[in-house]
Amino acid sequence: MARFKVTAPVAGYDSKIADVQFRDGVATIDTTVECDRRAYEYFQRKGGYAIEPLDEDGDVVDQVVEDEDEVPPPVDAPARSASKADWVTDATSPAGDMSGEDAEKLTRDQLAERYLGRKDGAL
């Protein structure tokens, strides 16, 4: 992995998502940096984001997919045991339904229960 251009699902988006600053709906991430790697995984999991690899000059690299089996599947939601930071990122995304302030008030287990349901399967 290396650098990627990420285009948000909402054109012209100017704010942070998963600690990545978007301007006019576009951001650049470097997956050799831990927080950007987690953001990359988040954007894959959420869907709706166009993620394109960049070359050394910052130009988009053309991708040719010859076999659908080579396309990696989307990443699932965070595991119940994922860190609170991962759950907050998931909950505060454009696809999520919480503000950062509200998400930070909950524990990791409360966030997991909100999105995955109760661990024992009860309602």
Protein backbone atom coordinates (compact mmCIF):
# COMPACT_ATOMS: atom_id res chain seq x y z
CA MET A 1 0.00 0.00 0.00
CA ALA A 2 1.01 3.60 -0.45
CA ARG A 3 -0.75 6.85 -1.33
CA PHE A 4 -4.37 7.05 -2.46
CA LYS A 5 -6.80 9.68 -3.67
CA VAL A 6 -10.12 9.34 -1.85
CA THR A 7 -13.26 10.99 -3.21
CA ALA A 8 -16.16 11.37 -0.78
CA PRO A 9 -19.65 10.25 -1.77
CA VAL A 10 -20.84 13.86 -1.32
CA ALA A 11 -19.44 16.26 -3.94
CA GLY A 12 -17.73 19.34 -2.52
CA TYR A 13 -17.42 17.90 1.01
CA ASP A 14 -15.14 20.13 3.14
CA SER A 15 -14.54 18.56 6.53
CA LYS A 16 -12.84 15.65 8.28
CA ILE A 17 -13.88 12.03 7.99
CA ALA A 18 -11.94 9.43 9.99
CA ASP A 19 -9.35 12.12 10.82
CA VAL A 20 -8.72 12.77 7.11
CA GLN A 21 -9.31 16.31 5.82
CA PHE A 22 -11.40 16.51 2.64
CA ARG A 23 -11.41 19.60 0.41
CA ASP A 24 -13.96 19.82 -2.40
CA GLY A 25 -14.79 16.18 -1.70
CA VAL A 26 -11.21 14.91 -2.21
CA ALA A 27 -8.44 13.81 0.17
CA THR A 28 -5.07 12.09 -0.12
CA ILE A 29 -4.01 9.39 2.33
CA ASP A 30 -0.73 7.57 2.90
CA THR A 31 -1.33 4.04 4.15
CA THR A 32 2.18 3.74 5.51
CA VAL A 33 0.90 6.01 8.31
CA GLU A 34 -1.21 4.11 10.89
CA CYS A 35 -4.10 6.58 11.13
CA ASP A 36 -4.35 6.83 7.32
CA ARG A 37 -4.26 3.02 7.05
CA ARG A 38 -7.23 2.79 9.43
CA ALA A 39 -9.00 5.52 7.45
CA TYR A 40 -8.36 3.57 4.21
CA GLU A 41 -9.96 0.48 5.75
CA TYR A 42 -12.86 2.59 6.99
CA PHE A 43 -13.50 4.10 3.53
CA GLN A 44 -13.47 0.61 2.00
CA ARG A 45 -15.87 -0.69 4.64
CA LYS A 46 -18.33 2.17 4.35
CA GLY A 47 -18.55 2.10 0.58
CA GLY A 48 -19.44 5.03 -1.63
CA TYR A 49 -15.88 6.38 -1.59
CA ALA A 50 -13.79 6.27 -4.77
CA ILE A 51 -10.30 5.10 -3.76
CA GLU A 52 -7.63 5.42 -6.43
CA PRO A 53 -3.91 4.61 -6.09
CA LEU A 54 -1.43 7.41 -6.76
CA ASP A 55 2.02 7.15 -8.31
CA GLU A 56 5.16 8.88 -6.96
CA ASP A 57 4.16 12.13 -8.73
CA GLY A 58 0.69 12.15 -7.17
CA ASP A 59 -1.08 11.14 -10.40
CA VAL A 60 -3.87 8.57 -10.37
CA VAL A 61 -2.70 5.15 -11.55
CA ASP A 62 -4.99 3.50 -14.10
CA GLN A 63 -6.36 0.20 -12.82
CA VAL A 64 -7.46 -2.65 -15.01
CA VAL A 65 -9.39 -5.48 -13.39
CA GLU A 66 -9.31 -8.54 -15.60
CA ASP A 67 -10.85 -10.97 -13.15
CA GLU A 68 -13.65 -10.09 -10.71
CA ASP A 69 -12.15 -12.58 -8.25
CA GLU A 70 -9.16 -10.24 -7.89
CA VAL A 71 -11.32 -7.42 -6.52
CA PRO A 72 -11.04 -7.48 -2.72
CA PRO A 73 -14.34 -7.66 -0.86
CA PRO A 74 -15.41 -4.64 1.20
CA VAL A 75 -14.20 -4.58 4.80
CA ASP A 76 -16.88 -5.44 7.38
CA ALA A 77 -17.97 -3.20 10.23
CA PRO A 78 -15.63 -3.09 13.21
CA ALA A 79 -15.48 -6.22 15.31
CA ARG A 80 -17.29 -6.00 18.61
CA SER A 81 -13.85 -6.02 20.26
CA ALA A 82 -12.43 -3.21 18.04
CA SER A 83 -11.02 -0.13 19.75
CA LYS A 84 -13.30 2.68 20.84
CA ALA A 85 -11.54 4.94 18.32
CA ASP A 86 -12.56 2.60 15.48
CA TRP A 87 -16.15 2.58 16.71
CA VAL A 88 -16.24 6.39 17.03
CA THR A 89 -14.89 6.72 13.49
CA ASP A 90 -17.56 4.34 12.22
CA ALA A 91 -20.39 6.04 14.13
CA THR A 92 -19.44 9.57 13.05
CA SER A 93 -19.00 8.86 9.35
CA PRO A 94 -21.44 10.29 6.81
CA ALA A 95 -23.06 6.83 6.76
CA GLY A 96 -23.21 6.81 10.57
CA ASP A 97 -25.79 8.66 12.60
CA MET A 98 -23.90 10.23 15.50
CA SER A 99 -21.99 13.40 16.21
CA GLY A 100 -18.44 13.06 17.51
CA GLU A 101 -19.52 14.45 20.87
CA ASP A 102 -22.33 11.92 21.24
CA ALA A 103 -20.12 9.01 20.14
CA GLU A 104 -17.38 9.96 22.61
CA LYS A 105 -19.91 9.86 25.47
CA LEU A 106 -20.56 6.15 24.88
CA THR A 107 -18.28 3.28 25.77
CA ARG A 108 -16.90 0.96 23.12
CA ASP A 109 -19.37 -1.74 24.19
CA GLN A 110 -22.30 0.68 23.97
CA LEU A 111 -21.26 1.72 20.44
CA ALA A 112 -20.89 -1.92 19.38
CA GLU A 113 -24.31 -2.77 20.81
CA ARG A 114 -25.88 0.21 19.05
CA TYR A 115 -24.68 -0.97 15.62
CA LEU A 116 -24.37 -4.75 16.05
CA GLY A 117 -27.16 -5.39 18.52
CA ARG A 118 -26.85 -6.99 21.92
CA LYS A 119 -24.18 -9.61 22.32
CA ASP A 120 -26.70 -12.15 23.61
CA GLY A 121 -29.02 -11.49 20.63
CA ALA A 122 -31.81 -10.03 22.78
CA LEU A 123 -33.64 -6.90 21.65
